[in-house]
Amino acid sequence: MDHGPRVGDRVALTFDADMTDGMLNNLRTGRVKSYANLRILDRLEREQVPATFFLTGKWVQRYPDLTRRIAGNPRFELANHTYGHLAFTGDCYDLPRVAAGGMTEDVARTFRVIEPYGGRQTRYFRFPGLCHDEAALDALAPLGVTVVDGDVVSGDPFATAWKPIVRAVLEHVRPGSVVIMHVTEANAAMTDEALPYILAGLRERGLVPAPLSEVLAAA
């Protein structure tokens, strides 16, 4: 599913929280300070903006207090982004690949990691890199997930300036859109700078951020 119905004025702001073993090693060695952009959360909370967070299990385990903060906000929804951000297909942005027989358990494990935090939990799921095929979809069928890609790709990972992120979002956003951004600070350092301009641009277009479940509800 890429988006909701093209009616009304609602759009979904979604934020992926990636975490790989390589990223964990960067934190351990001090090469990277943080993969959690608190300025994004601060702004969303301050302006009372709904959002949906696609969490990897390893990010949750690395940032339990932040996960509690997200879960404790009634405007935020929690969704699943795999356990360790492994690829579910070959040739997916050079990501290491999860074993074919391990796909179902990888996603099930992530739900188990997220579950104790409570809050507005969903069965929404996003593949790393949006890479999936029939085998991957078949593997997840028993879990009853709704796969959500998105129709507005911000391009924020590894961006070196905020203006292209804003432009990428505002040029493509429409009623029912699902916007993909990241809350992984070191890998998406410009997202918090782009966010206020994105929010202002949505207001100018008469578009209102809403939880993903509301945007997809009528689909």
N, C-alpha and C. Protein backbone atom coordinates (compact mmCIF):
# COMPACT_ATOMS: atom_id res chain seq x y z
N MET A 1 0.85 -1.19 0.00
CA MET A 1 0.00 0.00 0.00
C MET A 1 0.88 1.25 0.00
N ASP A 2 0.62 2.14 -0.92
CA ASP A 2 1.45 3.34 -1.04
C ASP A 2 0.81 4.57 -0.42
N HIS A 3 -0.51 4.65 -0.40
CA HIS A 3 -1.18 5.85 0.07
C HIS A 3 -2.64 5.55 0.39
N GLY A 4 -3.29 6.52 1.01
CA GLY A 4 -4.71 6.41 1.29
C GLY A 4 -5.53 7.01 0.17
N PRO A 5 -6.84 7.11 0.37
CA PRO A 5 -7.71 7.69 -0.66
C PRO A 5 -7.32 9.13 -0.96
N ARG A 6 -7.48 9.52 -2.22
CA ARG A 6 -7.09 10.88 -2.64
C ARG A 6 -8.23 11.86 -2.42
N VAL A 7 -8.78 11.82 -1.23
CA VAL A 7 -9.88 12.72 -0.89
C VAL A 7 -9.55 13.36 0.46
N GLY A 8 -10.26 14.43 0.76
CA GLY A 8 -10.07 15.07 2.05
C GLY A 8 -8.77 15.85 2.12
N ASP A 9 -8.25 16.00 3.34
CA ASP A 9 -7.07 16.83 3.53
C ASP A 9 -5.99 16.17 4.39
N ARG A 10 -6.11 14.85 4.64
CA ARG A 10 -5.18 14.18 5.55
C ARG A 10 -3.96 13.60 4.82
N VAL A 11 -2.81 13.71 5.47
CA VAL A 11 -1.59 13.06 5.00
C VAL A 11 -0.90 12.44 6.22
N ALA A 12 -0.11 11.40 5.99
CA ALA A 12 0.59 10.72 7.08
C ALA A 12 2.08 11.02 7.01
N LEU A 13 2.62 11.51 8.10
CA LEU A 13 4.07 11.68 8.23
C LEU A 13 4.61 10.44 8.94
N THR A 14 5.48 9.71 8.27
CA THR A 14 6.04 8.50 8.86
C THR A 14 7.55 8.65 8.97
N PHE A 15 8.09 8.10 10.05
CA PHE A 15 9.52 8.20 10.33
C PHE A 15 10.08 6.81 10.59
N ASP A 16 11.05 6.39 9.79
CA ASP A 16 11.71 5.11 9.99
C ASP A 16 12.83 5.25 11.02
N ALA A 17 12.93 4.26 11.89
CA ALA A 17 14.00 4.22 12.90
C ALA A 17 14.85 2.99 12.60
N ASP A 18 15.79 3.15 11.68
CA ASP A 18 16.66 2.05 11.27
C ASP A 18 17.68 1.74 12.36
N MET A 19 18.14 0.50 12.40
CA MET A 19 19.29 0.13 13.24
C MET A 19 19.85 -1.19 12.74
N THR A 20 21.11 -1.15 12.33
CA THR A 20 21.81 -2.34 11.87
C THR A 20 22.94 -2.66 12.84
N ASP A 21 23.54 -3.81 12.68
CA ASP A 21 24.70 -4.14 13.50
C ASP A 21 25.84 -3.15 13.25
N GLY A 22 25.99 -2.73 12.00
CA GLY A 22 27.02 -1.75 11.69
C GLY A 22 26.78 -0.42 12.39
N MET A 23 25.52 0.00 12.46
CA MET A 23 25.18 1.23 13.16
C MET A 23 25.44 1.10 14.66
N LEU A 24 25.10 -0.05 15.21
CA LEU A 24 25.38 -0.29 16.64
C LEU A 24 26.88 -0.23 16.90
N ASN A 25 27.66 -0.78 15.99
CA ASN A 25 29.12 -0.73 16.16
C ASN A 25 29.62 0.71 16.09
N ASN A 26 29.03 1.52 15.23
CA ASN A 26 29.41 2.93 15.15
C ASN A 26 29.16 3.65 16.47
N LEU A 27 28.06 3.30 17.13
CA LEU A 27 27.76 3.89 18.43
C LEU A 27 28.75 3.41 19.49
N ARG A 28 29.04 2.11 19.48
CA ARG A 28 29.96 1.54 20.48
C ARG A 28 31.35 2.14 20.39
N THR A 29 31.81 2.36 19.17
CA THR A 29 33.17 2.86 18.97
C THR A 29 33.25 4.38 19.02
N GLY A 30 32.12 5.05 19.17
CA GLY A 30 32.12 6.49 19.23
C GLY A 30 32.23 7.18 17.88
N ARG A 31 32.17 6.40 16.82
CA ARG A 31 32.25 6.98 15.48
C ARG A 31 31.02 7.85 15.20
N VAL A 32 29.90 7.47 15.83
CA VAL A 32 28.65 8.19 15.66
C VAL A 32 28.09 8.47 17.05
N LYS A 33 27.51 9.66 17.21
CA LYS A 33 26.98 10.04 18.52
C LYS A 33 25.57 9.51 18.74
N SER A 34 24.72 9.61 17.72
CA SER A 34 23.33 9.24 17.94
C SER A 34 22.62 8.88 16.64
N TYR A 35 21.74 7.90 16.73
CA TYR A 35 20.81 7.57 15.65
C TYR A 35 19.38 7.85 16.10
N ALA A 36 19.23 8.84 16.97
CA ALA A 36 17.90 9.23 17.45
C ALA A 36 17.82 10.75 17.45
N ASN A 37 17.03 11.29 16.55
CA ASN A 37 16.93 12.73 16.39
C ASN A 37 15.85 13.30 17.32
N LEU A 38 16.30 13.77 18.47
CA LEU A 38 15.37 14.28 19.47
C LEU A 38 14.69 15.56 19.02
N ARG A 39 15.33 16.33 18.15
CA ARG A 39 14.73 17.58 17.69
C ARG A 39 13.46 17.32 16.88
N ILE A 40 13.42 16.19 16.18
CA ILE A 40 12.19 15.84 15.46
C ILE A 40 11.06 15.60 16.45
N LEU A 41 11.33 14.80 17.47
CA LEU A 41 10.30 14.53 18.47
C LEU A 41 9.88 15.80 19.20
N ASP A 42 10.85 16.63 19.54
CA ASP A 42 10.54 17.88 20.24
C ASP A 42 9.56 18.72 19.43
N ARG A 43 9.80 18.85 18.14
CA ARG A 43 8.94 19.69 17.30
C ARG A 43 7.56 19.07 17.13
N LEU A 44 7.52 17.77 16.87
CA LEU A 44 6.22 17.11 16.72
C LEU A 44 5.39 17.25 17.98
N GLU A 45 6.03 17.10 19.13
CA GLU A 45 5.32 17.23 20.40
C GLU A 45 4.88 18.67 20.63
N ARG A 46 5.79 19.61 20.39
CA ARG A 46 5.50 21.02 20.64
C ARG A 46 4.34 21.52 19.78
N GLU A 47 4.30 21.08 18.53
CA GLU A 47 3.25 21.52 17.60
C GLU A 47 2.08 20.54 17.54
N GLN A 48 2.13 19.51 18.39
CA GLN A 48 1.04 18.53 18.49
C GLN A 48 0.71 17.90 17.13
N VAL A 49 1.77 17.45 16.46
CA VAL A 49 1.63 16.87 15.13
C VAL A 49 1.60 15.35 15.23
N PRO A 50 0.58 14.70 14.70
CA PRO A 50 0.55 13.23 14.69
C PRO A 50 1.61 12.67 13.75
N ALA A 51 2.13 11.50 14.08
CA ALA A 51 3.12 10.84 13.22
C ALA A 51 3.12 9.35 13.53
N THR A 52 3.66 8.57 12.61
CA THR A 52 3.77 7.13 12.77
C THR A 52 5.22 6.74 12.64
N PHE A 53 5.73 5.95 13.59
CA PHE A 53 7.14 5.58 13.64
C PHE A 53 7.29 4.09 13.31
N PHE A 54 8.05 3.82 12.26
CA PHE A 54 8.37 2.44 11.89
C PHE A 54 9.68 2.06 12.57
N LEU A 55 9.58 1.23 13.59
CA LEU A 55 10.70 0.94 14.47
C LEU A 55 11.35 -0.40 14.16
N THR A 56 12.67 -0.40 14.10
CA THR A 56 13.39 -1.67 14.10
C THR A 56 13.55 -2.13 15.54
N GLY A 57 13.55 -3.45 15.73
CA GLY A 57 13.70 -3.98 17.07
C GLY A 57 15.00 -3.55 17.74
N LYS A 58 16.07 -3.50 16.98
CA LYS A 58 17.36 -3.11 17.55
C LYS A 58 17.40 -1.63 17.93
N TRP A 59 16.67 -0.79 17.21
CA TRP A 59 16.58 0.62 17.61
C TRP A 59 15.82 0.73 18.93
N VAL A 60 14.73 0.00 19.05
CA VAL A 60 13.96 0.01 20.30
C VAL A 60 14.83 -0.44 21.47
N GLN A 61 15.60 -1.49 21.26
CA GLN A 61 16.45 -1.99 22.34
C GLN A 61 17.57 -1.02 22.68
N ARG A 62 18.03 -0.26 21.72
CA ARG A 62 19.09 0.73 21.95
C ARG A 62 18.53 1.99 22.59
N TYR A 63 17.28 2.32 22.30
CA TYR A 63 16.68 3.56 22.80
C TYR A 63 15.35 3.28 23.50
N PRO A 64 15.38 2.53 24.59
CA PRO A 64 14.12 2.18 25.27
C PRO A 64 13.39 3.40 25.83
N ASP A 65 14.13 4.35 26.38
CA ASP A 65 13.47 5.53 26.95
C ASP A 65 12.78 6.34 25.86
N LEU A 66 13.41 6.44 24.71
CA LEU A 66 12.82 7.18 23.61
C LEU A 66 11.60 6.45 23.05
N THR A 67 11.68 5.12 23.03
CA THR A 67 10.52 4.34 22.60
C THR A 67 9.35 4.57 23.54
N ARG A 68 9.64 4.62 24.85
CA ARG A 68 8.58 4.90 25.83
C ARG A 68 7.97 6.28 25.59
N ARG A 69 8.83 7.22 25.23
CA ARG A 69 8.34 8.57 24.95
C ARG A 69 7.41 8.58 23.73
N ILE A 70 7.79 7.86 22.70
CA ILE A 70 6.94 7.77 21.52
C ILE A 70 5.62 7.07 21.86
N ALA A 71 5.72 5.95 22.55
CA ALA A 71 4.52 5.17 22.89
C ALA A 71 3.59 5.95 23.81
N GLY A 72 4.16 6.85 24.61
CA GLY A 72 3.36 7.59 25.56
C GLY A 72 2.60 8.77 24.97
N ASN A 73 2.85 9.06 23.69
CA ASN A 73 2.18 10.19 23.05
C ASN A 73 0.96 9.67 22.28
N PRO A 74 -0.23 10.09 22.63
CA PRO A 74 -1.43 9.56 21.96
C PRO A 74 -1.54 9.96 20.50
N ARG A 75 -0.71 10.89 20.05
CA ARG A 75 -0.73 11.28 18.63
C ARG A 75 0.21 10.44 17.79
N PHE A 76 1.03 9.62 18.44
CA PHE A 76 2.02 8.82 17.72
C PHE A 76 1.56 7.37 17.63
N GLU A 77 1.83 6.75 16.48
CA GLU A 77 1.59 5.33 16.29
C GLU A 77 2.93 4.61 16.13
N LEU A 78 2.95 3.33 16.53
CA LEU A 78 4.15 2.50 16.42
C LEU A 78 3.90 1.42 15.37
N ALA A 79 4.88 1.24 14.50
CA ALA A 79 4.80 0.24 13.45
C ALA A 79 6.13 -0.51 13.36
N ASN A 80 6.18 -1.51 12.50
CA ASN A 80 7.28 -2.48 12.45
C ASN A 80 8.16 -2.24 11.22
N HIS A 81 9.49 -2.19 11.44
CA HIS A 81 10.44 -1.98 10.34
C HIS A 81 11.54 -3.05 10.36
N THR A 82 11.20 -4.24 10.79
CA THR A 82 12.09 -5.41 10.95
C THR A 82 12.94 -5.30 12.22
N TYR A 83 13.67 -6.34 12.50
CA TYR A 83 14.48 -6.37 13.72
C TYR A 83 15.80 -5.64 13.54
N GLY A 84 16.53 -5.94 12.47
CA GLY A 84 17.85 -5.33 12.30
C GLY A 84 18.08 -4.72 10.93
N HIS A 85 17.00 -4.34 10.25
CA HIS A 85 17.08 -3.64 8.97
C HIS A 85 17.85 -4.43 7.91
N LEU A 86 17.61 -5.74 7.90
CA LEU A 86 18.19 -6.57 6.84
C LEU A 86 17.26 -6.56 5.63
N ALA A 87 17.82 -6.80 4.47
CA ALA A 87 17.04 -6.80 3.23
C ALA A 87 16.23 -8.09 3.12
N PHE A 88 15.05 -7.99 2.53
CA PHE A 88 14.20 -9.14 2.31
C PHE A 88 14.23 -9.60 0.86
N THR A 89 15.06 -8.96 0.05
CA THR A 89 15.31 -9.38 -1.33
C THR A 89 16.81 -9.21 -1.61
N GLY A 90 17.26 -9.74 -2.73
CA GLY A 90 18.63 -9.48 -3.14
C GLY A 90 18.74 -8.09 -3.74
N ASP A 91 19.94 -7.56 -3.78
CA ASP A 91 20.21 -6.28 -4.43
C ASP A 91 19.33 -5.17 -3.89
N CYS A 92 19.39 -4.96 -2.57
CA CYS A 92 18.60 -3.91 -1.93
C CYS A 92 19.53 -2.94 -1.21
N TYR A 93 20.05 -2.00 -1.96
CA TYR A 93 20.92 -0.95 -1.40
C TYR A 93 22.10 -1.51 -0.60
N ASP A 94 22.61 -2.63 -1.03
CA ASP A 94 23.77 -3.24 -0.37
C ASP A 94 23.51 -3.67 1.07
N LEU A 95 22.24 -3.78 1.45
CA LEU A 95 21.93 -4.26 2.79
C LEU A 95 22.18 -5.76 2.86
N PRO A 96 22.73 -6.25 3.97
CA PRO A 96 22.83 -7.70 4.16
C PRO A 96 21.43 -8.30 4.14
N ARG A 97 21.34 -9.55 3.72
CA ARG A 97 20.03 -10.16 3.50
C ARG A 97 19.64 -11.11 4.63
N VAL A 98 18.40 -11.02 5.06
CA VAL A 98 17.87 -11.96 6.04
C VAL A 98 17.70 -13.32 5.35
N ALA A 99 17.92 -14.37 6.10
CA ALA A 99 17.76 -15.71 5.53
C ALA A 99 16.31 -15.91 5.10
N ALA A 100 16.12 -16.58 3.98
CA ALA A 100 14.78 -16.77 3.44
C ALA A 100 13.85 -17.41 4.46
N GLY A 101 14.36 -18.35 5.22
CA GLY A 101 13.53 -19.02 6.22
C GLY A 101 13.35 -18.22 7.49
N GLY A 102 14.00 -17.07 7.58
CA GLY A 102 13.93 -16.28 8.80
C GLY A 102 13.09 -15.03 8.72
N MET A 103 12.45 -14.82 7.59
CA MET A 103 11.70 -13.58 7.40
C MET A 103 10.55 -13.44 8.39
N THR A 104 9.76 -14.48 8.52
CA THR A 104 8.59 -14.42 9.39
C THR A 104 8.99 -14.14 10.83
N GLU A 105 9.98 -14.86 11.32
CA GLU A 105 10.40 -14.70 12.70
C GLU A 105 11.03 -13.34 12.94
N ASP A 106 11.75 -12.80 11.96
CA ASP A 106 12.36 -11.48 12.11
C ASP A 106 11.29 -10.44 12.43
N VAL A 107 10.21 -10.46 11.68
CA VAL A 107 9.15 -9.47 11.87
C VAL A 107 8.35 -9.77 13.14
N ALA A 108 8.09 -11.05 13.40
CA ALA A 108 7.37 -11.43 14.62
C ALA A 108 8.16 -11.01 15.85
N ARG A 109 9.48 -11.20 15.81
CA ARG A 109 10.33 -10.82 16.93
C ARG A 109 10.23 -9.32 17.20
N THR A 110 10.17 -8.54 16.14
CA THR A 110 10.09 -7.09 16.30
C THR A 110 8.79 -6.69 16.97
N PHE A 111 7.69 -7.32 16.58
CA PHE A 111 6.42 -7.05 17.28
C PHE A 111 6.54 -7.39 18.76
N ARG A 112 7.23 -8.48 19.08
CA ARG A 112 7.40 -8.86 20.49
C ARG A 112 8.23 -7.83 21.25
N VAL A 113 9.23 -7.27 20.59
CA VAL A 113 10.08 -6.26 21.23
C VAL A 113 9.28 -4.97 21.49
N ILE A 114 8.43 -4.60 20.54
CA ILE A 114 7.68 -3.35 20.65
C ILE A 114 6.51 -3.47 21.63
N GLU A 115 5.90 -4.64 21.68
CA GLU A 115 4.64 -4.83 22.40
C GLU A 115 4.63 -4.31 23.85
N PRO A 116 5.67 -4.56 24.66
CA PRO A 116 5.61 -4.13 26.06
C PRO A 116 5.52 -2.62 26.25
N TYR A 117 5.82 -1.85 25.24
CA TYR A 117 5.81 -0.40 25.38
C TYR A 117 4.41 0.20 25.31
N GLY A 118 3.45 -0.59 24.86
CA GLY A 118 2.07 -0.11 24.81
C GLY A 118 1.90 1.00 23.78
N GLY A 119 1.00 1.93 24.07
CA GLY A 119 0.74 3.02 23.14
C GLY A 119 -0.11 2.55 21.97
N ARG A 120 -0.09 3.33 20.90
CA ARG A 120 -0.93 3.05 19.73
C ARG A 120 -0.16 2.14 18.77
N GLN A 121 -0.18 0.85 19.07
CA GLN A 121 0.55 -0.11 18.25
C GLN A 121 -0.31 -0.55 17.07
N THR A 122 0.35 -0.80 15.95
CA THR A 122 -0.36 -1.18 14.73
C THR A 122 0.24 -2.47 14.17
N ARG A 123 -0.38 -2.98 13.13
CA ARG A 123 0.19 -4.10 12.37
C ARG A 123 0.76 -3.61 11.05
N TYR A 124 1.09 -2.34 10.98
CA TYR A 124 1.72 -1.81 9.78
C TYR A 124 3.18 -2.23 9.74
N PHE A 125 3.66 -2.50 8.54
CA PHE A 125 5.03 -2.97 8.35
C PHE A 125 5.64 -2.31 7.12
N ARG A 126 6.90 -1.92 7.23
CA ARG A 126 7.63 -1.37 6.08
C ARG A 126 8.94 -2.13 5.89
N PHE A 127 9.15 -2.59 4.66
CA PHE A 127 10.39 -3.29 4.34
C PHE A 127 11.56 -2.31 4.27
N PRO A 128 12.74 -2.70 4.74
CA PRO A 128 13.93 -1.87 4.53
C PRO A 128 14.15 -1.60 3.05
N GLY A 129 14.41 -0.36 2.73
CA GLY A 129 14.62 0.01 1.34
C GLY A 129 13.38 -0.14 0.48
N LEU A 130 12.24 -0.44 1.09
CA LEU A 130 10.99 -0.74 0.37
C LEU A 130 11.14 -1.93 -0.56
N CYS A 131 12.13 -2.77 -0.30
CA CYS A 131 12.43 -3.89 -1.20
C CYS A 131 11.63 -5.13 -0.77
N HIS A 132 10.75 -5.59 -1.66
CA HIS A 132 10.03 -6.83 -1.37
C HIS A 132 9.58 -7.49 -2.66
N ASP A 133 9.35 -8.79 -2.55
CA ASP A 133 8.86 -9.58 -3.68
C ASP A 133 7.79 -10.53 -3.17
N GLU A 134 7.32 -11.40 -4.04
CA GLU A 134 6.23 -12.30 -3.64
C GLU A 134 6.65 -13.22 -2.49
N ALA A 135 7.89 -13.69 -2.52
CA ALA A 135 8.35 -14.58 -1.45
C ALA A 135 8.33 -13.88 -0.11
N ALA A 136 8.75 -12.63 -0.09
CA ALA A 136 8.75 -11.87 1.16
C ALA A 136 7.31 -11.63 1.64
N LEU A 137 6.44 -11.27 0.74
CA LEU A 137 5.05 -11.04 1.11
C LEU A 137 4.40 -12.32 1.62
N ASP A 138 4.70 -13.45 0.97
CA ASP A 138 4.15 -14.73 1.41
C ASP A 138 4.64 -15.08 2.82
N ALA A 139 5.91 -14.76 3.10
CA ALA A 139 6.48 -15.07 4.41
C ALA A 139 5.79 -14.30 5.53
N LEU A 140 5.32 -13.11 5.21
CA LEU A 140 4.71 -12.27 6.25
C LEU A 140 3.20 -12.44 6.34
N ALA A 141 2.61 -13.14 5.38
CA ALA A 141 1.16 -13.32 5.38
C ALA A 141 0.61 -13.86 6.71
N PRO A 142 1.27 -14.85 7.34
CA PRO A 142 0.72 -15.38 8.60
C PRO A 142 0.67 -14.36 9.73
N LEU A 143 1.41 -13.27 9.61
CA LEU A 143 1.47 -12.28 10.69
C LEU A 143 0.36 -11.24 10.60
N GLY A 144 -0.37 -11.25 9.49
CA GLY A 144 -1.48 -10.31 9.35
C GLY A 144 -1.05 -8.86 9.29
N VAL A 145 0.11 -8.60 8.69
CA VAL A 145 0.58 -7.22 8.59
C VAL A 145 -0.01 -6.53 7.37
N THR A 146 -0.05 -5.23 7.43
CA THR A 146 -0.35 -4.40 6.26
C THR A 146 0.95 -3.74 5.83
N VAL A 147 1.43 -4.09 4.65
CA VAL A 147 2.69 -3.52 4.16
C VAL A 147 2.43 -2.11 3.65
N VAL A 148 3.18 -1.16 4.18
CA VAL A 148 3.02 0.24 3.81
C VAL A 148 4.35 0.74 3.26
N ASP A 149 4.36 1.06 1.99
CA ASP A 149 5.55 1.67 1.39
C ASP A 149 5.47 3.18 1.60
N GLY A 150 4.77 3.86 0.74
CA GLY A 150 4.66 5.31 0.80
C GLY A 150 4.77 5.86 -0.60
N ASP A 151 4.14 7.01 -0.84
CA ASP A 151 4.18 7.60 -2.17
C ASP A 151 5.01 8.87 -2.25
N VAL A 152 5.51 9.35 -1.10
CA VAL A 152 6.35 10.54 -1.07
C VAL A 152 7.65 10.20 -0.35
N VAL A 153 8.72 10.06 -1.12
CA VAL A 153 10.03 9.70 -0.57
C VAL A 153 10.83 10.99 -0.38
N SER A 154 11.13 11.30 0.86
CA SER A 154 11.78 12.58 1.15
C SER A 154 13.24 12.63 0.70
N GLY A 155 13.88 11.46 0.63
CA GLY A 155 15.29 11.45 0.28
C GLY A 155 16.19 11.95 1.39
N ASP A 156 15.70 11.90 2.63
CA ASP A 156 16.51 12.46 3.72
C ASP A 156 17.72 11.64 4.15
N PRO A 157 17.77 10.31 3.91
CA PRO A 157 18.99 9.61 4.33
C PRO A 157 20.23 10.16 3.62
N PHE A 158 21.19 10.57 4.42
CA PHE A 158 22.49 11.05 3.94
C PHE A 158 22.39 12.35 3.13
N ALA A 159 21.26 13.04 3.24
CA ALA A 159 21.15 14.36 2.60
C ALA A 159 22.11 15.34 3.28
N THR A 160 22.67 16.25 2.50
CA THR A 160 23.62 17.22 3.04
C THR A 160 23.03 18.63 3.12
N ALA A 161 21.77 18.77 2.74
CA ALA A 161 21.08 20.05 2.83
C ALA A 161 19.59 19.79 3.05
N TRP A 162 18.90 20.74 3.67
CA TRP A 162 17.49 20.52 4.00
C TRP A 162 16.54 20.90 2.88
N LYS A 163 16.93 21.84 2.03
CA LYS A 163 16.00 22.31 1.00
C LYS A 163 15.56 21.22 0.03
N PRO A 164 16.46 20.33 -0.43
CA PRO A 164 15.98 19.26 -1.32
C PRO A 164 14.97 18.32 -0.67
N ILE A 165 15.08 18.13 0.64
CA ILE A 165 14.11 17.29 1.35
C ILE A 165 12.74 17.95 1.32
N VAL A 166 12.71 19.23 1.63
CA VAL A 166 11.46 19.97 1.62
C VAL A 166 10.84 19.93 0.22
N ARG A 167 11.67 20.16 -0.78
CA ARG A 167 11.17 20.18 -2.16
C ARG A 167 10.62 18.82 -2.56
N ALA A 168 11.33 17.76 -2.20
CA ALA A 168 10.90 16.41 -2.56
C ALA A 168 9.54 16.09 -1.96
N VAL A 169 9.30 16.57 -0.75
CA VAL A 169 8.02 16.29 -0.10
C VAL A 169 6.91 17.16 -0.68
N LEU A 170 7.14 18.46 -0.72
CA LEU A 170 6.05 19.37 -1.09
C LEU A 170 5.69 19.31 -2.56
N GLU A 171 6.61 18.88 -3.40
CA GLU A 171 6.29 18.77 -4.83
C GLU A 171 5.43 17.55 -5.13
N HIS A 172 5.42 16.57 -4.23
CA HIS A 172 4.71 15.32 -4.53
C HIS A 172 3.54 15.02 -3.59
N VAL A 173 3.46 15.71 -2.46
CA VAL A 173 2.43 15.39 -1.47
C VAL A 173 1.05 15.75 -1.99
N ARG A 174 0.09 14.90 -1.70
CA ARG A 174 -1.31 15.07 -2.10
C ARG A 174 -2.19 14.51 -0.97
N PRO A 175 -3.49 14.80 -1.00
CA PRO A 175 -4.36 14.15 -0.02
C PRO A 175 -4.17 12.63 -0.03
N GLY A 176 -4.07 12.04 1.15
CA GLY A 176 -3.87 10.61 1.26
C GLY A 176 -2.43 10.16 1.20
N SER A 177 -1.49 11.09 1.01
CA SER A 177 -0.08 10.70 0.87
C SER A 177 0.49 10.13 2.16
N VAL A 178 1.46 9.25 1.96
CA VAL A 178 2.26 8.71 3.06
C VAL A 178 3.70 9.15 2.81
N VAL A 179 4.20 10.04 3.66
CA VAL A 179 5.52 10.63 3.51
C VAL A 179 6.53 9.82 4.30
N ILE A 180 7.64 9.46 3.65
CA ILE A 180 8.69 8.65 4.30
C ILE A 180 9.85 9.55 4.69
N MET A 181 10.12 9.62 5.99
CA MET A 181 11.30 10.31 6.52
C MET A 181 11.99 9.40 7.52
N HIS A 182 13.06 9.89 8.12
CA HIS A 182 13.84 9.08 9.06
C HIS A 182 14.13 9.87 10.33
N VAL A 183 14.19 9.15 11.44
CA VAL A 183 14.50 9.76 12.72
C VAL A 183 15.91 9.37 13.19
N THR A 184 16.68 8.78 12.27
CA THR A 184 18.02 8.27 12.57
C THR A 184 19.05 9.37 12.35
N GLU A 185 19.28 10.17 13.36
CA GLU A 185 19.99 11.45 13.24
C GLU A 185 21.27 11.40 12.41
N ALA A 186 22.21 10.53 12.74
CA ALA A 186 23.49 10.53 12.04
C ALA A 186 23.35 10.18 10.56
N ASN A 187 22.37 9.38 10.23
CA ASN A 187 22.15 8.98 8.83
C ASN A 187 21.15 9.88 8.11
N ALA A 188 20.52 10.77 8.83
CA ALA A 188 19.54 11.68 8.23
C ALA A 188 19.60 12.99 9.01
N ALA A 189 20.71 13.67 8.87
CA ALA A 189 21.03 14.80 9.75
C ALA A 189 20.24 16.06 9.44
N MET A 190 19.63 16.13 8.26
CA MET A 190 18.95 17.35 7.85
C MET A 190 17.44 17.31 8.08
N THR A 191 16.92 16.17 8.52
CA THR A 191 15.46 16.01 8.61
C THR A 191 14.84 17.00 9.59
N ASP A 192 15.47 17.20 10.73
CA ASP A 192 14.88 18.12 11.71
C ASP A 192 14.89 19.56 11.19
N GLU A 193 15.86 19.91 10.34
CA GLU A 193 15.89 21.26 9.77
C GLU A 193 14.82 21.41 8.69
N ALA A 194 14.55 20.32 7.97
CA ALA A 194 13.53 20.37 6.92
C ALA A 194 12.12 20.36 7.48
N LEU A 195 11.93 19.73 8.63
CA LEU A 195 10.57 19.48 9.14
C LEU A 195 9.72 20.73 9.31
N PRO A 196 10.22 21.83 9.90
CA PRO A 196 9.35 22.99 10.05
C PRO A 196 8.87 23.56 8.72
N TYR A 197 9.71 23.49 7.70
CA TYR A 197 9.31 23.99 6.38
C TYR A 197 8.31 23.04 5.71
N ILE A 198 8.46 21.75 5.97
CA ILE A 198 7.48 20.78 5.47
C ILE A 198 6.12 21.02 6.12
N LEU A 199 6.12 21.22 7.43
CA LEU A 199 4.87 21.45 8.14
C LEU A 199 4.21 22.75 7.66
N ALA A 200 5.01 23.78 7.46
CA ALA A 200 4.46 25.05 6.96
C ALA A 200 3.90 24.88 5.55
N GLY A 201 4.62 24.12 4.71
CA GLY A 201 4.16 23.89 3.35
C GLY A 201 2.87 23.10 3.29
N LEU A 202 2.72 22.15 4.20
CA LEU A 202 1.47 21.39 4.26
C LEU A 202 0.32 22.31 4.63
N ARG A 203 0.55 23.18 5.60
CA ARG A 203 -0.50 24.13 6.01
C ARG A 203 -0.91 25.02 4.83
N GLU A 204 0.07 25.50 4.08
CA GLU A 204 -0.22 26.36 2.93
C GLU A 204 -1.07 25.63 1.89
N ARG A 205 -0.90 24.32 1.80
CA ARG A 205 -1.64 23.52 0.83
C ARG A 205 -2.96 22.99 1.39
N GLY A 206 -3.26 23.36 2.63
CA GLY A 206 -4.49 22.90 3.25
C GLY A 206 -4.47 21.44 3.64
N LEU A 207 -3.27 20.89 3.84
CA LEU A 207 -3.11 19.49 4.20
C LEU A 207 -2.79 19.36 5.70
N VAL A 208 -3.36 18.33 6.31
CA VAL A 208 -3.28 18.17 7.76
C VAL A 208 -2.64 16.83 8.09
N PRO A 209 -1.52 16.80 8.83
CA PRO A 209 -0.94 15.52 9.25
C PRO A 209 -1.90 14.75 10.15
N ALA A 210 -1.96 13.44 9.94
CA ALA A 210 -2.83 12.56 10.72
C ALA A 210 -2.12 11.23 10.92
N PRO A 211 -2.52 10.45 11.92
CA PRO A 211 -1.95 9.12 12.08
C PRO A 211 -2.17 8.28 10.83
N LEU A 212 -1.24 7.41 10.55
CA LEU A 212 -1.32 6.57 9.36
C LEU A 212 -2.64 5.79 9.31
N SER A 213 -3.09 5.31 10.46
CA SER A 213 -4.33 4.53 10.49
C SER A 213 -5.52 5.36 9.99
N GLU A 214 -5.52 6.66 10.29
CA GLU A 214 -6.62 7.51 9.83
C GLU A 214 -6.52 7.77 8.33
N VAL A 215 -5.29 7.95 7.84
CA VAL A 215 -5.11 8.22 6.43
C VAL A 215 -5.48 7.01 5.58
N LEU A 216 -5.19 5.83 6.08
CA LEU A 216 -5.47 4.61 5.32
C LEU A 216 -6.86 4.05 5.57
N ALA A 217 -7.56 4.59 6.55
CA ALA A 217 -8.81 3.97 7.04
C ALA A 217 -9.83 3.72 5.94
N ALA A 218 -9.96 4.66 5.02
CA ALA A 218 -11.00 4.53 4.01
C ALA A 218 -10.53 3.77 2.77
N ALA A 219 -9.29 3.29 2.81
CA ALA A 219 -8.75 2.60 1.62
C ALA A 219 -9.37 1.22 1.49
